[in-house]
Amino acid sequence: MGLCHRSREIMSAMSIELRLDSYPDDPEKIAFCTDFLEGKSPRYLLGRNQWAQSISRHLNVAGFIDEYCHESEFLGKPVLSLDEVPDNGIVVSTVVGILPLTVALKLSERNIRHIDYFAFRRYSGLTLEPVLFWDEFITDYSRHQEKYEEVYCCLKDQQSRTIYENLINFRLSGDLSYMDGFEDRQHQQYFEDFLNLKNQGEVFLDVGCFDGLTSLEFIKRCPEYAGIHIFEPEPGNLKVVRKNLADYPRIVFHDCGLSDHSQTLRFSADGSSSRVSDQGELQIQVERLDDVIKGPGSFIKMDIEGAEIEALRGARHTILEHHPKLAICVYHRADDFWKIPETVFSIRDDYDLYLRHYTEGVTETVMFFIPAGN
């Protein structure tokens, strides 16, 4: 890959290595899975999602746990609260995205015997729904370990390197303990001190805007901004964004997505997880950023469900000409951890690279590209 401007110096000057652990089997988790499969105790699934459905297709469970559900049944089984779980009940938590640690703590506080979905999928022997791209990640890491190590050497600070190690260990092992210390910080997502955002003059490109809340956070930090460009191809989302940002000036709304060339794509509308899909029910237009924005952009954020690489390629001139700060989500594709920095550094390599993670689980990992010397 095109290494960042500092990595070769770092690699030659000091011994920095990406340290990964071995992952021995956990007898306690194996024993839990054995008990859950045998079904001698009442079995419950915490959550009503595709991972819970995946387990329920294999096993006859007593019910589903959901503290915030007003329905009495799900898939023909009762929905209950944590307080309604019997003393001998055992639980698999299928919460994987934002708060798996918090859920595990609640179960432990109630002395409910439980396991997380990551461990259950590893040890149960059942063929279960994968967690996002995890299976592909394990394969990709084995094939491209050198690229992951090169990215590690590009990371600017120790916090980034520690996060990177923990996330890779988590993905390879399915051991949730690697996420200890992480918390839900989505209110801070995309806005770190090292961005050095200015009160005035910033031009923000919110690519994959969803509901506009990220732009509102930007406005709080940069009240005298020069301009904001909203990119949101899903009509329902864009309607919400226009309403949420109606009171603010100097905002341009673009009802298109971004890619590396102009085309019409099929699109699946699913709120914050709307994405390009061959089975999508909508058609959307995507354009090159360089064709849409002719003026400067000082800060670009991208969260576009796996289309980030193509969008970056379509922003080549903007990146070369204006050297913007970049905050790019890197959790939608198995190879995002190395392909996204490779894409950016192939355009220009005078960026400092940071990594931050904003939940307890698998979502909301962001790479920041900060102009060197910023």
Protein backbone atom coordinates (compact mmCIF):
# COMPACT_ATOMS: atom_id res chain seq x y z
CA MET A 1 0.00 0.00 0.00
CA GLY A 2 1.05 3.63 -0.26
CA LEU A 3 2.40 4.06 3.25
CA CYS A 4 1.73 7.25 5.17
CA HIS A 5 4.49 9.82 5.28
CA ARG A 6 5.75 8.71 8.72
CA SER A 7 5.45 4.93 8.67
CA ARG A 8 8.74 3.99 7.03
CA GLU A 9 10.63 6.27 9.44
CA ILE A 10 8.81 4.72 12.40
CA MET A 11 9.35 1.16 11.22
CA SER A 12 13.07 1.72 10.78
CA ALA A 13 13.59 3.79 13.92
CA MET A 14 11.83 1.65 16.50
CA SER A 15 10.28 -1.73 16.97
CA ILE A 16 6.53 -1.22 16.75
CA GLU A 17 4.62 -4.42 16.20
CA LEU A 18 0.94 -5.22 16.07
CA ARG A 19 0.56 -7.58 19.03
CA LEU A 20 -2.14 -10.20 18.76
CA ASP A 21 -3.02 -12.85 21.31
CA SER A 22 -3.69 -16.54 21.02
CA TYR A 23 -7.28 -17.51 21.67
CA PRO A 24 -7.52 -20.70 23.75
CA ASP A 25 -10.95 -22.24 24.27
CA ASP A 26 -12.84 -21.09 27.36
CA PRO A 27 -14.15 -24.11 29.36
CA GLU A 28 -16.78 -22.03 31.17
CA LYS A 29 -18.25 -20.74 27.92
CA ILE A 30 -18.18 -24.22 26.41
CA ALA A 31 -20.06 -25.55 29.45
CA PHE A 32 -22.68 -22.82 29.12
CA CYS A 33 -23.23 -23.63 25.45
CA THR A 34 -23.59 -27.32 26.27
CA ASP A 35 -26.25 -26.53 28.87
CA PHE A 36 -28.06 -24.15 26.54
CA LEU A 37 -28.13 -26.70 23.74
CA GLU A 38 -29.42 -29.45 26.06
CA GLY A 39 -32.29 -27.24 27.15
CA LYS A 40 -32.70 -28.57 30.68
CA SER A 41 -33.08 -25.00 31.96
CA PRO A 42 -35.47 -22.44 30.41
CA ARG A 43 -33.67 -20.77 27.49
CA TYR A 44 -34.08 -17.11 26.63
CA LEU A 45 -32.69 -14.78 23.98
CA LEU A 46 -32.11 -11.14 24.85
CA GLY A 47 -32.95 -9.04 21.82
CA ARG A 48 -35.29 -9.24 18.86
CA ASN A 49 -32.98 -9.05 15.87
CA GLN A 50 -31.55 -11.22 13.10
CA TRP A 51 -29.09 -12.85 15.51
CA ALA A 52 -31.85 -13.85 17.91
CA GLN A 53 -33.88 -15.18 14.99
CA SER A 54 -30.85 -17.15 13.83
CA ILE A 55 -30.62 -19.00 17.16
CA SER A 56 -34.39 -19.51 17.37
CA ARG A 57 -34.34 -21.32 14.04
CA HIS A 58 -32.16 -24.00 15.65
CA LEU A 59 -33.51 -24.11 19.21
CA ASN A 60 -36.88 -23.97 20.91
CA VAL A 61 -36.49 -21.06 23.33
CA ALA A 62 -38.83 -20.11 26.16
CA GLY A 63 -39.01 -16.47 25.14
CA PHE A 64 -37.32 -13.23 24.17
CA ILE A 65 -36.17 -10.50 26.54
CA ASP A 66 -36.75 -6.88 25.56
CA GLU A 67 -37.09 -4.12 28.15
CA TYR A 68 -38.46 -1.64 25.62
CA CYS A 69 -40.98 -3.73 23.70
CA HIS A 70 -44.73 -3.18 24.03
CA GLU A 71 -45.60 -6.36 22.14
CA SER A 72 -46.37 -9.52 24.06
CA GLU A 73 -45.01 -12.00 21.51
CA PHE A 74 -42.17 -12.36 19.03
CA LEU A 75 -41.93 -15.31 16.64
CA GLY A 76 -44.73 -16.96 18.58
CA LYS A 77 -42.89 -16.76 21.91
CA PRO A 78 -43.53 -14.45 24.89
CA VAL A 79 -41.59 -11.21 25.25
CA LEU A 80 -40.59 -10.47 28.84
CA SER A 81 -38.45 -8.15 30.91
CA LEU A 82 -35.28 -9.09 32.77
CA ASP A 83 -37.19 -9.14 36.04
CA GLU A 84 -39.48 -11.84 34.63
CA VAL A 85 -36.68 -14.30 33.87
CA PRO A 86 -36.98 -17.27 36.28
CA ASP A 87 -34.15 -18.04 38.67
CA ASN A 88 -33.08 -21.07 36.65
CA GLY A 89 -33.31 -19.28 33.30
CA ILE A 90 -30.24 -18.97 31.08
CA VAL A 91 -29.76 -16.25 28.50
CA VAL A 92 -27.88 -15.59 25.28
CA SER A 93 -27.58 -11.85 24.67
CA THR A 94 -27.83 -11.07 20.97
CA VAL A 95 -26.90 -7.41 21.44
CA VAL A 96 -23.83 -6.91 19.26
CA GLY A 97 -23.75 -3.29 18.13
CA ILE A 98 -23.81 -0.53 20.71
CA LEU A 99 -24.18 -1.82 24.29
CA PRO A 100 -23.20 -5.50 24.66
CA LEU A 101 -21.09 -4.77 27.77
CA THR A 102 -23.88 -2.83 29.44
CA VAL A 103 -26.33 -5.66 28.77
CA ALA A 104 -23.89 -8.24 30.16
CA LEU A 105 -23.48 -6.13 33.30
CA LYS A 106 -27.26 -5.94 33.80
CA LEU A 107 -27.54 -9.71 33.49
CA SER A 108 -24.70 -10.23 35.97
CA GLU A 109 -26.26 -7.81 38.45
CA ARG A 110 -29.42 -9.94 38.41
CA ASN A 111 -27.39 -13.14 38.85
CA ILE A 112 -28.71 -14.45 35.54
CA ARG A 113 -26.43 -17.00 33.92
CA HIS A 114 -25.65 -15.70 30.46
CA ILE A 115 -23.31 -15.54 27.49
CA ASP A 116 -22.87 -13.07 24.63
CA TYR A 117 -23.66 -13.87 21.00
CA PHE A 118 -20.01 -13.68 19.93
CA ALA A 119 -19.01 -16.48 22.29
CA PHE A 120 -22.16 -18.51 21.65
CA ARG A 121 -21.51 -18.47 17.92
CA ARG A 122 -17.92 -19.59 18.50
CA TYR A 123 -18.64 -22.44 20.91
CA SER A 124 -22.17 -23.68 20.19
CA GLY A 125 -21.33 -25.47 16.97
CA LEU A 126 -24.48 -24.06 15.35
CA THR A 127 -24.38 -22.38 11.96
CA LEU A 128 -25.54 -18.92 12.98
CA GLU A 129 -25.94 -15.52 11.40
CA PRO A 130 -22.53 -13.84 11.12
CA VAL A 131 -21.84 -10.56 12.87
CA LEU A 132 -21.63 -8.10 10.01
CA PHE A 133 -18.50 -9.03 8.04
CA TRP A 134 -16.65 -10.99 10.74
CA ASP A 135 -16.14 -14.22 8.82
CA GLU A 136 -14.73 -12.28 5.88
CA PHE A 137 -12.51 -10.28 8.23
CA ILE A 138 -10.80 -13.40 9.58
CA THR A 139 -10.07 -14.52 6.03
CA ASP A 140 -8.92 -11.07 4.96
CA TYR A 141 -6.62 -10.71 7.96
CA SER A 142 -4.95 -14.05 7.24
CA ARG A 143 -4.36 -13.01 3.63
CA HIS A 144 -3.25 -9.43 4.24
CA GLN A 145 -1.65 -9.37 7.68
CA GLU A 146 1.25 -7.28 6.38
CA LYS A 147 -1.15 -4.53 5.31
CA TYR A 148 -2.74 -4.46 8.76
CA GLU A 149 0.73 -4.14 10.29
CA GLU A 150 1.59 -1.27 7.95
CA VAL A 151 -1.55 0.60 8.97
CA TYR A 152 -0.64 0.01 12.62
CA CYS A 153 2.69 1.73 12.02
CA CYS A 154 0.91 4.66 10.39
CA LEU A 155 -1.22 5.38 13.45
CA LYS A 156 -0.19 8.63 15.08
CA ASP A 157 -0.76 7.99 18.79
CA GLN A 158 -0.69 5.11 21.25
CA GLN A 159 -4.43 5.40 21.89
CA SER A 160 -5.07 4.67 18.21
CA ARG A 161 -2.73 1.68 18.27
CA THR A 162 -4.36 0.25 21.40
CA ILE A 163 -7.84 0.62 19.91
CA TYR A 164 -6.65 -1.03 16.68
CA GLU A 165 -5.16 -3.99 18.55
CA ASN A 166 -8.25 -4.48 20.69
CA LEU A 167 -10.64 -4.31 17.76
CA ILE A 168 -8.64 -6.80 15.71
CA ASN A 169 -8.30 -9.18 18.66
CA PHE A 170 -12.05 -8.86 19.26
CA ARG A 171 -12.90 -9.65 15.65
CA LEU A 172 -10.52 -12.60 15.43
CA SER A 173 -11.50 -14.18 18.77
CA GLY A 174 -15.11 -13.19 19.40
CA ASP A 175 -14.02 -12.45 22.98
CA LEU A 176 -16.01 -9.47 24.25
CA SER A 177 -13.50 -8.81 27.03
CA TYR A 178 -11.33 -7.02 24.45
CA MET A 179 -13.98 -4.29 24.47
CA ASP A 180 -13.64 -3.62 28.20
CA GLY A 181 -13.12 0.11 28.64
CA PHE A 182 -15.06 1.10 25.54
CA GLU A 183 -18.35 2.91 25.98
CA ASP A 184 -21.13 4.45 23.95
CA ARG A 185 -19.74 7.86 22.92
CA GLN A 186 -21.76 8.47 19.78
CA HIS A 187 -22.49 12.02 20.90
CA GLN A 188 -18.75 12.70 20.44
CA GLN A 189 -18.36 10.75 17.21
CA TYR A 190 -16.36 12.54 14.49
CA PHE A 191 -15.33 15.37 16.82
CA GLU A 192 -11.94 14.93 18.50
CA ASP A 193 -9.58 17.58 19.83
CA PHE A 194 -6.88 16.71 17.28
CA LEU A 195 -9.17 17.99 14.50
CA ASN A 196 -8.43 21.55 15.68
CA LEU A 197 -11.71 22.81 14.25
CA LYS A 198 -12.04 26.58 14.11
CA ASN A 199 -15.05 28.57 15.29
CA GLN A 200 -15.29 30.28 11.93
CA GLY A 201 -14.53 29.51 8.31
CA GLU A 202 -14.96 25.73 8.30
CA VAL A 203 -16.79 24.04 5.41
CA PHE A 204 -18.31 20.72 6.50
CA LEU A 205 -19.32 17.94 4.12
CA ASP A 206 -21.72 15.57 5.89
CA VAL A 207 -21.75 12.52 3.62
CA GLY A 208 -24.39 10.06 4.76
CA CYS A 209 -26.21 12.57 6.93
CA PHE A 210 -29.13 10.37 8.10
CA ASP A 211 -30.96 12.71 10.53
CA GLY A 212 -28.67 15.75 10.58
CA LEU A 213 -27.51 15.35 14.18
CA THR A 214 -23.84 15.21 13.18
CA SER A 215 -24.22 18.53 11.37
CA LEU A 216 -25.87 19.98 14.48
CA GLU A 217 -22.87 18.86 16.53
CA PHE A 218 -20.60 20.53 13.98
CA ILE A 219 -22.58 23.77 14.26
CA LYS A 220 -22.19 23.73 18.07
CA ARG A 221 -18.43 23.52 17.69
CA CYS A 222 -18.08 25.83 14.69
CA PRO A 223 -20.92 28.37 15.02
CA GLU A 224 -19.45 30.74 12.42
CA TYR A 225 -18.98 28.07 9.78
CA ALA A 226 -18.63 29.09 6.15
CA GLY A 227 -20.88 26.36 4.79
CA ILE A 228 -22.33 22.87 5.16
CA HIS A 229 -23.05 20.39 2.38
CA ILE A 230 -25.51 17.60 3.17
CA PHE A 231 -25.42 14.38 1.13
CA GLU A 232 -28.37 12.07 1.78
CA PRO A 233 -29.95 10.02 -1.04
CA GLU A 234 -32.81 8.48 0.95
CA PRO A 235 -35.88 10.75 0.59
CA GLY A 236 -37.30 10.00 4.03
CA ASN A 237 -34.01 10.73 5.76
CA LEU A 238 -33.50 13.92 3.75
CA LYS A 239 -36.94 15.20 4.77
CA VAL A 240 -35.97 14.75 8.43
CA VAL A 241 -32.61 16.45 7.85
CA ARG A 242 -34.21 19.48 6.20
CA LYS A 243 -36.55 19.85 9.18
CA ASN A 244 -33.78 19.48 11.77
CA LEU A 245 -31.53 22.01 10.03
CA ALA A 246 -34.21 24.43 8.83
CA ASP A 247 -33.15 27.23 11.19
CA TYR A 248 -29.52 27.33 10.08
CA PRO A 249 -28.04 29.29 7.16
CA ARG A 250 -25.45 28.42 4.51
CA ILE A 251 -26.52 24.77 4.15
CA VAL A 252 -26.80 23.08 0.75
CA PHE A 253 -28.78 19.84 0.52
CA HIS A 254 -27.76 17.26 -2.08
CA ASP A 255 -30.27 14.45 -2.69
CA CYS A 256 -27.62 12.08 -4.01
CA GLY A 257 -25.02 9.66 -2.77
CA LEU A 258 -21.33 9.74 -3.63
CA SER A 259 -19.23 7.29 -5.63
CA ASP A 260 -16.38 7.25 -8.16
CA HIS A 261 -18.63 7.86 -11.16
CA SER A 262 -22.13 9.07 -11.93
CA GLN A 263 -24.73 6.30 -12.00
CA THR A 264 -28.13 5.15 -10.76
CA LEU A 265 -28.14 2.42 -8.11
CA ARG A 266 -30.71 0.39 -6.23
CA PHE A 267 -30.95 1.36 -2.58
CA SER A 268 -32.37 -0.25 0.56
CA ALA A 269 -33.96 2.30 2.90
CA ASP A 270 -33.44 1.24 6.51
CA GLY A 271 -33.02 4.37 8.60
CA SER A 272 -29.45 4.81 9.79
CA SER A 273 -28.42 1.62 7.96
CA SER A 274 -29.75 2.58 4.52
CA ARG A 275 -27.38 1.23 1.89
CA VAL A 276 -26.78 0.36 -1.74
CA SER A 277 -28.24 -3.08 -2.46
CA ASP A 278 -29.14 -5.03 -5.60
CA GLN A 279 -32.38 -5.95 -3.81
CA GLY A 280 -33.13 -2.35 -2.84
CA GLU A 281 -36.63 -0.99 -3.30
CA LEU A 282 -35.49 2.53 -4.28
CA GLN A 283 -33.34 3.97 -7.04
CA ILE A 284 -30.86 6.68 -6.14
CA GLN A 285 -28.40 8.82 -8.02
CA VAL A 286 -24.73 8.85 -7.03
CA GLU A 287 -22.16 11.38 -8.22
CA ARG A 288 -18.47 12.15 -7.87
CA LEU A 289 -17.84 14.67 -5.11
CA ASP A 290 -15.43 16.47 -7.44
CA ASP A 291 -18.30 17.05 -9.88
CA VAL A 292 -20.70 18.34 -7.23
CA ILE A 293 -18.53 20.57 -5.05
CA LYS A 294 -16.30 23.02 -6.86
CA GLY A 295 -15.25 25.10 -3.87
CA PRO A 296 -13.17 24.20 -0.82
CA GLY A 297 -14.17 21.74 1.85
CA SER A 298 -12.24 21.77 5.12
CA PHE A 299 -13.77 18.75 6.90
CA ILE A 300 -15.36 15.69 5.28
CA LYS A 301 -17.23 13.03 7.26
CA MET A 302 -18.34 9.80 5.57
CA ASP A 303 -20.68 7.14 6.93
CA ILE A 304 -22.18 5.52 3.84
CA GLU A 305 -22.56 1.84 4.67
CA GLY A 306 -19.62 0.44 2.73
CA ALA A 307 -19.43 2.92 -0.16
CA GLU A 308 -16.67 4.99 1.44
CA ILE A 309 -13.82 3.79 -0.81
CA GLU A 310 -15.65 4.64 -4.03
CA ALA A 311 -16.68 8.02 -2.61
CA LEU A 312 -13.07 8.81 -1.67
CA ARG A 313 -11.92 7.96 -5.19
CA GLY A 314 -14.54 10.37 -6.50
CA ALA A 315 -13.16 13.07 -4.17
CA ARG A 316 -9.59 12.85 -5.46
CA HIS A 317 -9.38 16.43 -6.76
CA THR A 318 -10.99 17.85 -3.62
CA ILE A 319 -8.49 16.02 -1.41
CA LEU A 320 -5.52 17.01 -3.57
CA GLU A 321 -6.57 20.63 -3.97
CA HIS A 322 -7.90 21.46 -0.50
CA HIS A 323 -6.28 18.88 1.86
CA PRO A 324 -9.40 18.55 4.04
CA LYS A 325 -9.61 16.81 7.37
CA LEU A 326 -11.31 13.42 6.91
CA ALA A 327 -13.40 11.33 9.31
CA ILE A 328 -14.22 8.05 7.58
CA CYS A 329 -16.18 5.10 8.99
CA VAL A 330 -14.19 1.86 8.71
CA TYR A 331 -16.56 -0.84 9.99
CA HIS A 332 -18.80 -1.64 7.03
CA ARG A 333 -16.44 -3.87 5.03
CA ALA A 334 -14.05 -6.60 6.11
CA ASP A 335 -11.03 -4.85 4.58
CA ASP A 336 -11.86 -1.24 5.50
CA PHE A 337 -9.06 -1.09 8.09
CA TRP A 338 -6.39 -1.17 5.37
CA LYS A 339 -8.16 -0.35 2.11
CA ILE A 340 -9.50 3.01 3.27
CA PRO A 341 -6.09 4.34 4.39
CA GLU A 342 -4.57 2.85 1.24
CA THR A 343 -7.11 4.79 -0.82
CA VAL A 344 -6.47 8.08 0.97
CA PHE A 345 -2.68 7.75 1.02
CA SER A 346 -2.66 6.91 -2.69
CA ILE A 347 -4.14 10.38 -3.28
CA ARG A 348 -1.81 12.18 -0.88
CA ASP A 349 0.20 10.82 2.01
CA ASP A 350 0.78 13.96 4.09
CA TYR A 351 -1.86 13.01 6.64
CA ASP A 352 -1.58 11.92 10.27
CA LEU A 353 -3.76 8.88 10.95
CA TYR A 354 -5.90 8.38 14.07
CA LEU A 355 -8.44 5.70 15.02
CA ARG A 356 -11.33 6.01 17.46
CA HIS A 357 -14.24 3.72 18.39
CA TYR A 358 -17.53 4.98 19.80
CA THR A 359 -19.53 1.98 21.07
CA GLU A 360 -19.07 -1.15 23.19
CA GLY A 361 -19.60 -3.43 20.20
CA VAL A 362 -18.99 -3.83 16.50
CA THR A 363 -20.20 -0.50 15.11
CA GLU A 364 -18.97 3.10 14.87
CA THR A 365 -15.23 2.84 14.21
CA VAL A 366 -13.80 5.97 12.59
CA MET A 367 -10.44 6.71 10.98
CA PHE A 368 -9.33 10.33 11.00
CA PHE A 369 -6.92 11.76 8.44
CA ILE A 370 -5.50 15.03 9.75
CA PRO A 371 -3.25 17.18 7.55
CA ALA A 372 0.29 16.78 8.84
CA GLY A 373 1.28 19.77 10.95
CA ASN A 374 -2.35 20.83 11.38
